[in-house]
Amino acid sequence: MAPKSKRPKSGEARPTEGSYLDGQLLIAMPVMEDERFARSVIYICAHSSEGAMGIIVNRPAGSIDFPELLVQLDIVEKPDQIKLPDHAESMKVLRGGPVETGRGFVLHSSDFFIKDATLPIDDGISLTATVDILKAIASGSGPKRAILALGYAGWAPGQLETEIQDNGWLHCDADADLVFGSDIEEKYDRALHKLGIEPGMLSAEAGHA
């Protein structure tokens, strides 16, 4: 689990204009050369002087579906799949990033909390990375809204700030509908629209703000 992010103290150097980016969305610019992050939208879970951690929210994890994953993890027996709650049947499994790709991270609404396991982030969104939340979702006692990501994106101290300064990323306020929405393919354009940008307006030669 990522450490809880630290807000800068008064007089402390801030990595970006305004504040750390906890609870914000990163939107990849066309200049993004790393194919792992091209056209990605990333929800930032923790950002401090020690680095940053986020979950890509618009990249499906291939053919993996949530009910089958529950069977693979021995959370439910295969015949029990038909008994899953509707929201568990349709829950999205995403490729959350290139770090720890064999581990599951659940971004979810803040109506669910596990002591010493759930990290509240911002705007009613939390992160839990234990198998207990998967069991709760399978039984119908989990959060109202959730996505499961395999792996996460991580940055060393100062790395994300440098990438933003080099026009690698835009950032904007997140909203639950964009984070949890089922329209995976539309999230990139929707995030740009939040900034008043049409996708075709972006160019690889965008200047610094």
N, C-alpha and C. Protein backbone atom coordinates (compact mmCIF):
# COMPACT_ATOMS: atom_id res chain seq x y z
N MET A 1 0.85 -1.19 0.00
CA MET A 1 0.00 0.00 0.00
C MET A 1 0.88 1.24 0.00
N ALA A 2 0.53 2.23 -0.78
CA ALA A 2 1.31 3.45 -0.84
C ALA A 2 1.16 4.22 0.46
N PRO A 3 2.21 4.90 0.92
CA PRO A 3 2.10 5.70 2.14
C PRO A 3 1.16 6.86 1.93
N LYS A 4 0.52 7.28 3.00
CA LYS A 4 -0.37 8.44 2.90
C LYS A 4 0.46 9.65 2.49
N SER A 5 -0.04 10.40 1.54
CA SER A 5 0.71 11.53 1.02
C SER A 5 0.83 12.62 2.06
N LYS A 6 1.86 13.40 1.91
CA LYS A 6 2.13 14.47 2.86
C LYS A 6 1.92 15.81 2.20
N ARG A 7 1.14 16.66 2.81
CA ARG A 7 0.95 18.01 2.30
C ARG A 7 2.15 18.86 2.66
N PRO A 8 2.55 19.79 1.78
CA PRO A 8 3.70 20.62 2.09
C PRO A 8 3.43 21.55 3.26
N LYS A 9 4.43 21.75 4.10
CA LYS A 9 4.31 22.68 5.21
C LYS A 9 4.49 24.10 4.70
N SER A 10 4.09 25.04 5.52
CA SER A 10 4.22 26.44 5.14
C SER A 10 5.68 26.76 4.83
N GLY A 11 5.91 27.38 3.69
CA GLY A 11 7.26 27.74 3.31
C GLY A 11 8.03 26.63 2.61
N GLU A 12 7.47 25.43 2.56
CA GLU A 12 8.15 24.31 1.92
C GLU A 12 7.97 24.40 0.42
N ALA A 13 9.00 24.02 -0.31
CA ALA A 13 8.92 24.04 -1.77
C ALA A 13 7.83 23.10 -2.24
N ARG A 14 7.04 23.56 -3.17
CA ARG A 14 5.95 22.75 -3.70
C ARG A 14 6.34 22.23 -5.07
N PRO A 15 6.00 20.98 -5.36
CA PRO A 15 6.46 20.38 -6.60
C PRO A 15 5.75 20.88 -7.83
N THR A 16 4.52 21.35 -7.69
CA THR A 16 3.78 21.90 -8.81
C THR A 16 3.09 23.15 -8.32
N GLU A 17 2.64 23.95 -9.24
CA GLU A 17 1.98 25.18 -8.85
C GLU A 17 0.72 24.87 -8.05
N GLY A 18 0.65 25.33 -6.81
CA GLY A 18 -0.55 25.14 -6.00
C GLY A 18 -0.38 24.11 -4.92
N SER A 19 -0.18 22.84 -5.27
CA SER A 19 -0.12 21.80 -4.25
C SER A 19 0.28 20.48 -4.87
N TYR A 20 0.40 19.49 -4.00
CA TYR A 20 0.58 18.14 -4.51
C TYR A 20 -0.70 17.71 -5.23
N LEU A 21 -0.60 16.66 -6.01
CA LEU A 21 -1.68 16.31 -6.93
C LEU A 21 -2.55 15.14 -6.46
N ASP A 22 -2.56 14.86 -5.16
CA ASP A 22 -3.44 13.81 -4.65
C ASP A 22 -4.87 14.06 -5.12
N GLY A 23 -5.54 13.01 -5.60
CA GLY A 23 -6.93 13.15 -6.00
C GLY A 23 -7.14 13.84 -7.33
N GLN A 24 -6.06 14.11 -8.06
CA GLN A 24 -6.16 14.73 -9.38
C GLN A 24 -6.01 13.67 -10.47
N LEU A 25 -6.40 14.04 -11.67
CA LEU A 25 -6.19 13.18 -12.83
C LEU A 25 -5.01 13.70 -13.65
N LEU A 26 -4.13 12.79 -14.04
CA LEU A 26 -3.09 13.11 -15.02
C LEU A 26 -3.59 12.67 -16.39
N ILE A 27 -3.36 13.49 -17.40
CA ILE A 27 -3.78 13.18 -18.76
C ILE A 27 -2.54 13.24 -19.65
N ALA A 28 -2.22 12.14 -20.31
CA ALA A 28 -1.01 12.07 -21.12
C ALA A 28 -1.10 13.02 -22.31
N MET A 29 -0.03 13.75 -22.56
CA MET A 29 0.05 14.60 -23.75
C MET A 29 0.50 13.77 -24.96
N PRO A 30 0.27 14.27 -26.19
CA PRO A 30 0.69 13.54 -27.38
C PRO A 30 2.19 13.26 -27.42
N VAL A 31 3.00 14.07 -26.70
CA VAL A 31 4.45 13.86 -26.71
C VAL A 31 4.86 12.66 -25.87
N MET A 32 3.91 12.03 -25.18
CA MET A 32 4.24 10.89 -24.32
C MET A 32 4.82 9.75 -25.18
N GLU A 33 6.13 9.50 -25.02
CA GLU A 33 6.80 8.51 -25.85
C GLU A 33 6.71 7.10 -25.25
N ASP A 34 6.45 7.02 -23.96
CA ASP A 34 6.35 5.72 -23.30
C ASP A 34 5.00 5.09 -23.64
N GLU A 35 5.02 4.01 -24.42
CA GLU A 35 3.77 3.39 -24.87
C GLU A 35 2.91 2.90 -23.71
N ARG A 36 3.53 2.64 -22.57
CA ARG A 36 2.75 2.18 -21.41
C ARG A 36 1.80 3.25 -20.92
N PHE A 37 2.07 4.51 -21.28
CA PHE A 37 1.26 5.61 -20.77
C PHE A 37 0.60 6.44 -21.87
N ALA A 38 0.77 6.07 -23.12
CA ALA A 38 0.17 6.83 -24.22
C ALA A 38 -1.35 6.88 -24.06
N ARG A 39 -1.92 8.07 -24.19
CA ARG A 39 -3.36 8.32 -24.07
C ARG A 39 -3.93 7.79 -22.75
N SER A 40 -3.13 7.82 -21.72
CA SER A 40 -3.60 7.32 -20.43
C SER A 40 -4.17 8.44 -19.57
N VAL A 41 -5.12 8.04 -18.73
CA VAL A 41 -5.67 8.91 -17.70
C VAL A 41 -5.36 8.22 -16.37
N ILE A 42 -4.66 8.92 -15.49
CA ILE A 42 -4.20 8.32 -14.24
C ILE A 42 -4.75 9.08 -13.05
N TYR A 43 -5.36 8.34 -12.13
CA TYR A 43 -5.83 8.94 -10.88
C TYR A 43 -4.68 8.88 -9.88
N ILE A 44 -4.27 10.05 -9.36
CA ILE A 44 -3.14 10.10 -8.43
C ILE A 44 -3.62 9.80 -7.01
N CYS A 45 -3.10 8.72 -6.45
CA CYS A 45 -3.51 8.28 -5.11
C CYS A 45 -2.64 8.90 -4.02
N ALA A 46 -1.38 9.11 -4.30
CA ALA A 46 -0.47 9.68 -3.31
C ALA A 46 0.62 10.46 -4.02
N HIS A 47 0.93 11.64 -3.50
CA HIS A 47 1.96 12.48 -4.10
C HIS A 47 2.60 13.29 -2.98
N SER A 48 3.90 13.17 -2.85
CA SER A 48 4.61 13.90 -1.82
C SER A 48 6.04 14.13 -2.27
N SER A 49 6.87 14.67 -1.39
CA SER A 49 8.28 14.85 -1.71
C SER A 49 8.98 13.52 -1.91
N GLU A 50 8.33 12.43 -1.50
CA GLU A 50 8.93 11.09 -1.62
C GLU A 50 8.58 10.41 -2.95
N GLY A 51 7.76 11.07 -3.77
CA GLY A 51 7.38 10.49 -5.05
C GLY A 51 5.87 10.48 -5.23
N ALA A 52 5.40 9.69 -6.19
CA ALA A 52 3.97 9.66 -6.49
C ALA A 52 3.54 8.26 -6.89
N MET A 53 2.24 7.98 -6.69
CA MET A 53 1.67 6.69 -7.05
C MET A 53 0.28 6.93 -7.59
N GLY A 54 -0.07 6.26 -8.70
CA GLY A 54 -1.39 6.45 -9.28
C GLY A 54 -1.87 5.20 -9.99
N ILE A 55 -3.14 5.23 -10.38
CA ILE A 55 -3.78 4.11 -11.05
C ILE A 55 -4.30 4.57 -12.42
N ILE A 56 -3.90 3.87 -13.49
CA ILE A 56 -4.45 4.16 -14.81
C ILE A 56 -5.91 3.70 -14.83
N VAL A 57 -6.83 4.59 -15.20
CA VAL A 57 -8.25 4.26 -15.11
C VAL A 57 -8.90 4.04 -16.48
N ASN A 58 -8.08 4.02 -17.55
CA ASN A 58 -8.69 3.86 -18.88
C ASN A 58 -7.97 2.82 -19.74
N ARG A 59 -7.42 1.79 -19.08
CA ARG A 59 -6.75 0.74 -19.85
C ARG A 59 -7.24 -0.63 -19.39
N PRO A 60 -8.11 -1.29 -20.17
CA PRO A 60 -8.63 -2.61 -19.78
C PRO A 60 -7.51 -3.64 -19.67
N ALA A 61 -7.69 -4.60 -18.77
CA ALA A 61 -6.69 -5.66 -18.56
C ALA A 61 -6.99 -6.85 -19.47
N GLY A 62 -7.03 -6.60 -20.76
CA GLY A 62 -7.24 -7.67 -21.73
C GLY A 62 -8.57 -8.37 -21.54
N SER A 63 -8.52 -9.70 -21.54
CA SER A 63 -9.75 -10.49 -21.47
C SER A 63 -10.12 -10.89 -20.05
N ILE A 64 -9.40 -10.37 -19.06
CA ILE A 64 -9.67 -10.74 -17.67
C ILE A 64 -10.99 -10.11 -17.23
N ASP A 65 -11.89 -10.93 -16.67
CA ASP A 65 -13.10 -10.34 -16.09
C ASP A 65 -13.13 -10.64 -14.59
N PHE A 66 -13.88 -9.81 -13.86
CA PHE A 66 -13.85 -9.86 -12.40
C PHE A 66 -14.36 -11.18 -11.83
N PRO A 67 -15.49 -11.72 -12.32
CA PRO A 67 -15.96 -13.00 -11.75
C PRO A 67 -14.93 -14.12 -11.91
N GLU A 68 -14.27 -14.18 -13.06
CA GLU A 68 -13.27 -15.23 -13.27
C GLU A 68 -12.07 -15.02 -12.34
N LEU A 69 -11.73 -13.75 -12.12
CA LEU A 69 -10.62 -13.45 -11.21
C LEU A 69 -10.94 -13.91 -9.79
N LEU A 70 -12.18 -13.73 -9.38
CA LEU A 70 -12.59 -14.19 -8.05
C LEU A 70 -12.43 -15.70 -7.91
N VAL A 71 -12.72 -16.42 -8.98
CA VAL A 71 -12.54 -17.88 -8.97
C VAL A 71 -11.06 -18.23 -8.88
N GLN A 72 -10.22 -17.54 -9.68
CA GLN A 72 -8.79 -17.80 -9.67
C GLN A 72 -8.17 -17.56 -8.30
N LEU A 73 -8.70 -16.58 -7.57
CA LEU A 73 -8.17 -16.24 -6.25
C LEU A 73 -8.82 -17.05 -5.14
N ASP A 74 -9.67 -18.01 -5.52
CA ASP A 74 -10.37 -18.87 -4.54
C ASP A 74 -11.27 -18.07 -3.60
N ILE A 75 -11.77 -16.94 -4.08
CA ILE A 75 -12.70 -16.15 -3.27
C ILE A 75 -14.12 -16.71 -3.42
N VAL A 76 -14.44 -17.18 -4.61
CA VAL A 76 -15.72 -17.85 -4.82
C VAL A 76 -15.46 -19.16 -5.58
N GLU A 77 -16.37 -20.11 -5.39
CA GLU A 77 -16.33 -21.33 -6.19
C GLU A 77 -16.98 -21.05 -7.54
N LYS A 78 -16.56 -21.74 -8.58
CA LYS A 78 -17.07 -21.46 -9.92
C LYS A 78 -18.60 -21.51 -9.99
N PRO A 79 -19.28 -22.50 -9.38
CA PRO A 79 -20.75 -22.51 -9.45
C PRO A 79 -21.39 -21.30 -8.78
N ASP A 80 -20.63 -20.64 -7.88
CA ASP A 80 -21.19 -19.50 -7.16
C ASP A 80 -21.16 -18.22 -7.99
N GLN A 81 -20.49 -18.25 -9.14
CA GLN A 81 -20.40 -17.04 -9.95
C GLN A 81 -21.78 -16.48 -10.30
N ILE A 82 -22.73 -17.36 -10.53
CA ILE A 82 -24.05 -16.89 -10.93
C ILE A 82 -24.76 -16.17 -9.80
N LYS A 83 -24.23 -16.27 -8.58
CA LYS A 83 -24.87 -15.64 -7.43
C LYS A 83 -24.27 -14.27 -7.11
N LEU A 84 -23.30 -13.85 -7.90
CA LEU A 84 -22.64 -12.58 -7.62
C LEU A 84 -23.61 -11.40 -7.79
N PRO A 85 -23.45 -10.35 -6.97
CA PRO A 85 -24.26 -9.13 -7.16
C PRO A 85 -24.00 -8.54 -8.55
N ASP A 86 -24.97 -7.81 -9.06
CA ASP A 86 -24.85 -7.24 -10.41
C ASP A 86 -23.59 -6.40 -10.57
N HIS A 87 -23.29 -5.56 -9.57
CA HIS A 87 -22.13 -4.67 -9.72
C HIS A 87 -20.82 -5.44 -9.68
N ALA A 88 -20.82 -6.64 -9.07
CA ALA A 88 -19.63 -7.48 -9.10
C ALA A 88 -19.48 -8.14 -10.46
N GLU A 89 -20.58 -8.54 -11.05
CA GLU A 89 -20.54 -9.15 -12.39
C GLU A 89 -19.95 -8.20 -13.42
N SER A 90 -20.28 -6.91 -13.28
CA SER A 90 -19.88 -5.94 -14.30
C SER A 90 -18.66 -5.11 -13.92
N MET A 91 -18.05 -5.40 -12.79
CA MET A 91 -16.92 -4.60 -12.32
C MET A 91 -15.75 -4.68 -13.30
N LYS A 92 -15.15 -3.53 -13.58
CA LYS A 92 -14.08 -3.46 -14.56
C LYS A 92 -12.74 -3.87 -13.95
N VAL A 93 -11.97 -4.65 -14.72
CA VAL A 93 -10.60 -4.97 -14.34
C VAL A 93 -9.68 -4.23 -15.30
N LEU A 94 -8.80 -3.40 -14.75
CA LEU A 94 -7.96 -2.52 -15.55
C LEU A 94 -6.48 -2.85 -15.37
N ARG A 95 -5.69 -2.39 -16.32
CA ARG A 95 -4.24 -2.48 -16.19
C ARG A 95 -3.79 -1.17 -15.56
N GLY A 96 -3.55 -1.20 -14.25
CA GLY A 96 -3.34 0.03 -13.50
C GLY A 96 -1.99 0.68 -13.65
N GLY A 97 -1.02 -0.07 -14.19
CA GLY A 97 0.32 0.49 -14.36
C GLY A 97 1.36 -0.61 -14.39
N PRO A 98 2.61 -0.25 -14.66
CA PRO A 98 3.65 -1.26 -14.87
C PRO A 98 4.32 -1.79 -13.60
N VAL A 99 3.94 -1.27 -12.43
CA VAL A 99 4.57 -1.70 -11.18
C VAL A 99 3.66 -2.70 -10.46
N GLU A 100 4.23 -3.80 -9.97
CA GLU A 100 3.49 -4.83 -9.23
C GLU A 100 2.22 -5.27 -9.98
N THR A 101 2.41 -5.70 -11.21
CA THR A 101 1.27 -6.04 -12.07
C THR A 101 0.50 -7.28 -11.62
N GLY A 102 1.08 -8.04 -10.72
CA GLY A 102 0.37 -9.21 -10.20
C GLY A 102 -0.45 -8.92 -8.97
N ARG A 103 -0.50 -7.67 -8.57
CA ARG A 103 -1.22 -7.28 -7.35
C ARG A 103 -2.42 -6.43 -7.71
N GLY A 104 -3.52 -6.64 -7.00
CA GLY A 104 -4.73 -5.89 -7.26
C GLY A 104 -4.89 -4.68 -6.36
N PHE A 105 -5.31 -3.57 -6.96
CA PHE A 105 -5.56 -2.33 -6.23
C PHE A 105 -6.98 -1.89 -6.55
N VAL A 106 -7.82 -1.70 -5.55
CA VAL A 106 -9.21 -1.33 -5.78
C VAL A 106 -9.41 0.14 -5.45
N LEU A 107 -9.75 0.92 -6.47
CA LEU A 107 -10.22 2.30 -6.26
C LEU A 107 -11.72 2.22 -6.04
N HIS A 108 -12.21 2.88 -5.00
CA HIS A 108 -13.63 2.70 -4.69
C HIS A 108 -14.21 3.93 -4.00
N SER A 109 -15.54 3.97 -3.99
CA SER A 109 -16.25 5.04 -3.28
C SER A 109 -16.00 4.89 -1.78
N SER A 110 -16.08 6.01 -1.08
CA SER A 110 -15.68 6.03 0.33
C SER A 110 -16.77 5.54 1.29
N ASP A 111 -17.76 4.80 0.76
CA ASP A 111 -18.77 4.20 1.63
C ASP A 111 -18.29 2.85 2.16
N PHE A 112 -17.02 2.53 1.91
CA PHE A 112 -16.44 1.27 2.39
C PHE A 112 -15.07 1.58 2.97
N PHE A 113 -14.75 0.97 4.12
CA PHE A 113 -13.49 1.27 4.79
C PHE A 113 -13.03 0.05 5.59
N ILE A 114 -11.77 -0.30 5.44
CA ILE A 114 -11.15 -1.35 6.25
C ILE A 114 -10.02 -0.71 7.06
N LYS A 115 -10.12 -0.79 8.36
CA LYS A 115 -9.11 -0.17 9.23
C LYS A 115 -7.72 -0.70 8.90
N ASP A 116 -6.76 0.22 8.82
CA ASP A 116 -5.36 -0.09 8.54
C ASP A 116 -5.12 -0.64 7.14
N ALA A 117 -6.13 -0.58 6.27
CA ALA A 117 -5.95 -1.08 4.91
C ALA A 117 -6.44 -0.09 3.86
N THR A 118 -7.44 0.71 4.19
CA THR A 118 -8.02 1.64 3.22
C THR A 118 -7.36 3.01 3.35
N LEU A 119 -6.98 3.57 2.22
CA LEU A 119 -6.39 4.91 2.16
C LEU A 119 -7.40 5.89 1.58
N PRO A 120 -8.01 6.76 2.41
CA PRO A 120 -8.89 7.80 1.87
C PRO A 120 -8.04 8.80 1.08
N ILE A 121 -8.50 9.16 -0.11
CA ILE A 121 -7.70 10.05 -0.94
C ILE A 121 -8.34 11.43 -1.03
N ASP A 122 -9.44 11.53 -1.77
CA ASP A 122 -10.07 12.84 -1.93
C ASP A 122 -11.41 12.67 -2.62
N ASP A 123 -12.30 13.62 -2.41
CA ASP A 123 -13.57 13.67 -3.15
C ASP A 123 -14.34 12.34 -3.13
N GLY A 124 -14.34 11.69 -1.98
CA GLY A 124 -15.14 10.48 -1.85
C GLY A 124 -14.54 9.26 -2.50
N ILE A 125 -13.24 9.27 -2.79
CA ILE A 125 -12.57 8.14 -3.42
C ILE A 125 -11.48 7.61 -2.49
N SER A 126 -11.42 6.29 -2.35
CA SER A 126 -10.42 5.65 -1.50
C SER A 126 -9.73 4.53 -2.26
N LEU A 127 -8.64 4.02 -1.67
CA LEU A 127 -7.87 2.93 -2.27
C LEU A 127 -7.68 1.83 -1.23
N THR A 128 -7.98 0.59 -1.61
CA THR A 128 -7.74 -0.56 -0.75
C THR A 128 -7.07 -1.64 -1.58
N ALA A 129 -6.03 -2.27 -1.02
CA ALA A 129 -5.26 -3.25 -1.78
C ALA A 129 -5.15 -4.58 -1.03
N THR A 130 -6.23 -4.98 -0.38
CA THR A 130 -6.24 -6.28 0.29
C THR A 130 -7.35 -7.15 -0.31
N VAL A 131 -7.20 -8.45 -0.13
CA VAL A 131 -8.19 -9.38 -0.69
C VAL A 131 -9.54 -9.23 0.01
N ASP A 132 -9.56 -8.62 1.20
CA ASP A 132 -10.81 -8.49 1.95
C ASP A 132 -11.85 -7.66 1.20
N ILE A 133 -11.40 -6.65 0.46
CA ILE A 133 -12.38 -5.84 -0.26
C ILE A 133 -12.98 -6.63 -1.42
N LEU A 134 -12.21 -7.53 -2.02
CA LEU A 134 -12.74 -8.37 -3.10
C LEU A 134 -13.80 -9.33 -2.55
N LYS A 135 -13.53 -9.86 -1.36
CA LYS A 135 -14.51 -10.73 -0.71
C LYS A 135 -15.79 -9.96 -0.42
N ALA A 136 -15.65 -8.71 0.04
CA ALA A 136 -16.82 -7.89 0.37
C ALA A 136 -17.64 -7.60 -0.88
N ILE A 137 -16.96 -7.28 -1.98
CA ILE A 137 -17.67 -7.01 -3.24
C ILE A 137 -18.41 -8.25 -3.71
N ALA A 138 -17.76 -9.41 -3.60
CA ALA A 138 -18.37 -10.66 -4.04
C ALA A 138 -19.61 -11.01 -3.21
N SER A 139 -19.61 -10.60 -1.94
CA SER A 139 -20.74 -10.92 -1.06
C SER A 139 -21.83 -9.87 -1.08
N GLY A 140 -21.58 -8.74 -1.78
CA GLY A 140 -22.57 -7.68 -1.84
C GLY A 140 -22.45 -6.65 -0.74
N SER A 141 -21.40 -6.74 0.08
CA SER A 141 -21.24 -5.79 1.18
C SER A 141 -20.10 -4.80 0.93
N GLY A 142 -19.63 -4.73 -0.31
CA GLY A 142 -18.52 -3.85 -0.64
C GLY A 142 -18.99 -2.44 -0.99
N PRO A 143 -18.09 -1.63 -1.54
CA PRO A 143 -18.43 -0.25 -1.91
C PRO A 143 -19.44 -0.22 -3.05
N LYS A 144 -20.16 0.89 -3.14
CA LYS A 144 -21.16 1.05 -4.18
C LYS A 144 -20.50 1.12 -5.56
N ARG A 145 -19.36 1.78 -5.65
CA ARG A 145 -18.66 1.93 -6.93
C ARG A 145 -17.20 1.54 -6.75
N ALA A 146 -16.66 0.80 -7.71
CA ALA A 146 -15.28 0.36 -7.60
C ALA A 146 -14.74 -0.10 -8.94
N ILE A 147 -13.42 0.00 -9.09
CA ILE A 147 -12.72 -0.62 -10.21
C ILE A 147 -11.50 -1.34 -9.63
N LEU A 148 -11.15 -2.46 -10.24
CA LEU A 148 -9.99 -3.22 -9.81
C LEU A 148 -8.87 -3.02 -10.83
N ALA A 149 -7.72 -2.58 -10.34
CA ALA A 149 -6.57 -2.37 -11.22
C ALA A 149 -5.47 -3.35 -10.86
N LEU A 150 -4.86 -3.94 -11.88
CA LEU A 150 -3.71 -4.81 -11.68
C LEU A 150 -2.46 -3.98 -11.91
N GLY A 151 -1.70 -3.75 -10.85
CA GLY A 151 -0.51 -2.90 -10.93
C GLY A 151 -0.82 -1.43 -10.74
N TYR A 152 0.23 -0.63 -10.69
CA TYR A 152 0.06 0.82 -10.53
C TYR A 152 1.21 1.55 -11.21
N ALA A 153 1.09 2.85 -11.32
CA ALA A 153 2.14 3.70 -11.88
C ALA A 153 2.86 4.39 -10.73
N GLY A 154 4.17 4.41 -10.77
CA GLY A 154 4.93 5.03 -9.69
C GLY A 154 6.00 5.97 -10.22
N TRP A 155 6.31 7.00 -9.46
CA TRP A 155 7.33 7.98 -9.81
C TRP A 155 8.28 8.19 -8.65
N ALA A 156 9.55 8.31 -8.94
CA ALA A 156 10.55 8.62 -7.93
C ALA A 156 10.41 10.09 -7.50
N PRO A 157 11.06 10.49 -6.39
CA PRO A 157 10.98 11.89 -5.97
C PRO A 157 11.37 12.85 -7.09
N GLY A 158 10.50 13.80 -7.37
CA GLY A 158 10.76 14.82 -8.39
C GLY A 158 10.51 14.38 -9.82
N GLN A 159 10.30 13.08 -10.07
CA GLN A 159 10.16 12.60 -11.44
C GLN A 159 8.87 13.10 -12.09
N LEU A 160 7.76 13.03 -11.37
CA LEU A 160 6.49 13.47 -11.95
C LEU A 160 6.52 14.97 -12.23
N GLU A 161 7.09 15.73 -11.31
CA GLU A 161 7.19 17.18 -11.51
C GLU A 161 7.96 17.50 -12.78
N THR A 162 9.06 16.77 -13.00
CA THR A 162 9.86 16.99 -14.21
C THR A 162 9.08 16.63 -15.46
N GLU A 163 8.35 15.53 -15.44
CA GLU A 163 7.57 15.11 -16.60
C GLU A 163 6.49 16.14 -16.93
N ILE A 164 5.87 16.72 -15.90
CA ILE A 164 4.85 17.75 -16.13
C ILE A 164 5.49 19.00 -16.74
N GLN A 165 6.65 19.40 -16.21
CA GLN A 165 7.35 20.57 -16.75
C GLN A 165 7.79 20.36 -18.19
N ASP A 166 8.05 19.11 -18.54
CA ASP A 166 8.46 18.78 -19.92
C ASP A 166 7.27 18.50 -20.83
N ASN A 167 6.09 18.93 -20.41
CA ASN A 167 4.87 18.78 -21.21
C ASN A 167 4.46 17.34 -21.43
N GLY A 168 4.80 16.46 -20.49
CA GLY A 168 4.37 15.07 -20.62
C GLY A 168 2.93 14.86 -20.18
N TRP A 169 2.48 15.71 -19.25
CA TRP A 169 1.15 15.51 -18.64
C TRP A 169 0.41 16.82 -18.46
N LEU A 170 -0.90 16.75 -18.61
CA LEU A 170 -1.82 17.76 -18.10
C LEU A 170 -2.43 17.20 -16.83
N HIS A 171 -3.03 18.05 -16.01
CA HIS A 171 -3.74 17.52 -14.85
C HIS A 171 -4.99 18.35 -14.58
N CYS A 172 -5.99 17.70 -13.99
CA CYS A 172 -7.25 18.36 -13.70
C CYS A 172 -7.91 17.69 -12.51
N ASP A 173 -8.94 18.35 -11.98
CA ASP A 173 -9.69 17.75 -10.88
C ASP A 173 -10.34 16.46 -11.36
N ALA A 174 -10.38 15.48 -10.47
CA ALA A 174 -11.03 14.22 -10.80
C ALA A 174 -12.51 14.30 -10.44
N ASP A 175 -13.29 13.39 -10.99
CA ASP A 175 -14.67 13.21 -10.53
C ASP A 175 -14.98 11.73 -10.58
N ALA A 176 -15.88 11.31 -9.71
CA ALA A 176 -16.16 9.88 -9.55
C ALA A 176 -16.69 9.27 -10.84
N ASP A 177 -17.50 10.01 -11.58
CA ASP A 177 -18.06 9.44 -12.81
C ASP A 177 -16.97 9.11 -13.82
N LEU A 178 -15.94 9.94 -13.86
CA LEU A 178 -14.87 9.69 -14.81
C LEU A 178 -13.99 8.53 -14.32
N VAL A 179 -13.71 8.49 -13.02
CA VAL A 179 -12.86 7.43 -12.47
C VAL A 179 -13.54 6.07 -12.59
N PHE A 180 -14.82 6.00 -12.19
CA PHE A 180 -15.50 4.71 -12.10
C PHE A 180 -16.33 4.36 -13.34
N GLY A 181 -16.45 5.27 -14.29
CA GLY A 181 -17.31 5.06 -15.44
C GLY A 181 -16.95 3.81 -16.23
N SER A 182 -17.96 3.21 -16.85
CA SER A 182 -17.75 1.99 -17.63
C SER A 182 -17.29 2.29 -19.05
N ASP A 183 -17.33 3.56 -19.44
CA ASP A 183 -16.96 3.95 -20.81
C ASP A 183 -15.44 4.12 -20.91
N ILE A 184 -14.71 3.03 -20.75
CA ILE A 184 -13.26 3.07 -20.68
C ILE A 184 -12.64 3.82 -21.86
N GLU A 185 -13.13 3.54 -23.06
CA GLU A 185 -12.53 4.11 -24.26
C GLU A 185 -12.76 5.62 -24.38
N GLU A 186 -13.74 6.14 -23.66
CA GLU A 186 -14.08 7.55 -23.77
C GLU A 186 -13.40 8.42 -22.71
N LYS A 187 -12.74 7.80 -21.74
CA LYS A 187 -12.24 8.57 -20.60
C LYS A 187 -11.16 9.59 -20.98
N TYR A 188 -10.32 9.27 -21.94
CA TYR A 188 -9.27 10.20 -22.33
C TYR A 188 -9.87 11.49 -22.88
N ASP A 189 -10.81 11.37 -23.81
CA ASP A 189 -11.45 12.55 -24.38
C ASP A 189 -12.27 13.29 -23.33
N ARG A 190 -12.94 12.55 -22.45
CA ARG A 190 -13.73 13.19 -21.40
C ARG A 190 -12.85 14.00 -20.45
N ALA A 191 -11.67 13.47 -20.12
CA ALA A 191 -10.77 14.19 -19.23
C ALA A 191 -10.27 15.47 -19.90
N LEU A 192 -9.97 15.42 -21.20
CA LEU A 192 -9.56 16.62 -21.91
C LEU A 192 -10.68 17.65 -21.94
N HIS A 193 -11.91 17.18 -22.12
CA HIS A 193 -13.05 18.09 -22.15
C HIS A 193 -13.21 18.82 -20.83
N LYS A 194 -12.82 18.18 -19.72
CA LYS A 194 -12.90 18.85 -18.42
C LYS A 194 -12.01 20.09 -18.40
N LEU A 195 -10.96 20.08 -19.22
CA LEU A 195 -10.05 21.22 -19.31
C LEU A 195 -10.42 22.15 -20.46
N GLY A 196 -11.54 21.84 -21.12
CA GLY A 196 -11.96 22.66 -22.24
C GLY A 196 -11.14 22.44 -23.49
N ILE A 197 -10.55 21.26 -23.61
CA ILE A 197 -9.66 20.96 -24.73
C ILE A 197 -10.29 19.90 -25.62
N GLU A 198 -10.30 20.15 -26.92
CA GLU A 198 -10.68 19.12 -27.88
C GLU A 198 -9.42 18.34 -28.21
N PRO A 199 -9.50 17.01 -28.31
CA PRO A 199 -8.30 16.20 -28.56
C PRO A 199 -7.47 16.68 -29.74
N GLY A 200 -8.10 17.14 -30.80
CA GLY A 200 -7.38 17.59 -31.97
C GLY A 200 -6.62 18.89 -31.77
N MET A 201 -6.93 19.61 -30.65
CA MET A 201 -6.25 20.87 -30.39
C MET A 201 -4.85 20.66 -29.86
N LEU A 202 -4.58 19.49 -29.29
CA LEU A 202 -3.28 19.22 -28.69
C LEU A 202 -2.26 18.92 -29.79
N SER A 203 -1.06 19.43 -29.61
CA SER A 203 0.00 19.10 -30.56
C SER A 203 1.26 18.72 -29.79
N ALA A 204 2.14 18.07 -30.45
CA ALA A 204 3.38 17.64 -29.81
C ALA A 204 4.29 18.82 -29.49
N GLU A 205 3.95 20.01 -30.00
CA GLU A 205 4.80 21.16 -29.78
C GLU A 205 4.20 22.11 -28.74
N ALA A 206 3.27 21.60 -27.90
CA ALA A 206 2.63 22.46 -26.91
C ALA A 206 3.68 23.11 -26.02
N GLY A 207 3.52 24.41 -25.78
CA GLY A 207 4.47 25.13 -24.95
C GLY A 207 4.16 25.00 -23.48
N HIS A 208 5.04 25.51 -22.66
CA HIS A 208 4.79 25.49 -21.23
C HIS A 208 3.67 26.45 -20.88
N ALA A 209 2.90 26.08 -19.88
CA ALA A 209 1.82 26.96 -19.46
C ALA A 209 2.41 28.20 -18.81
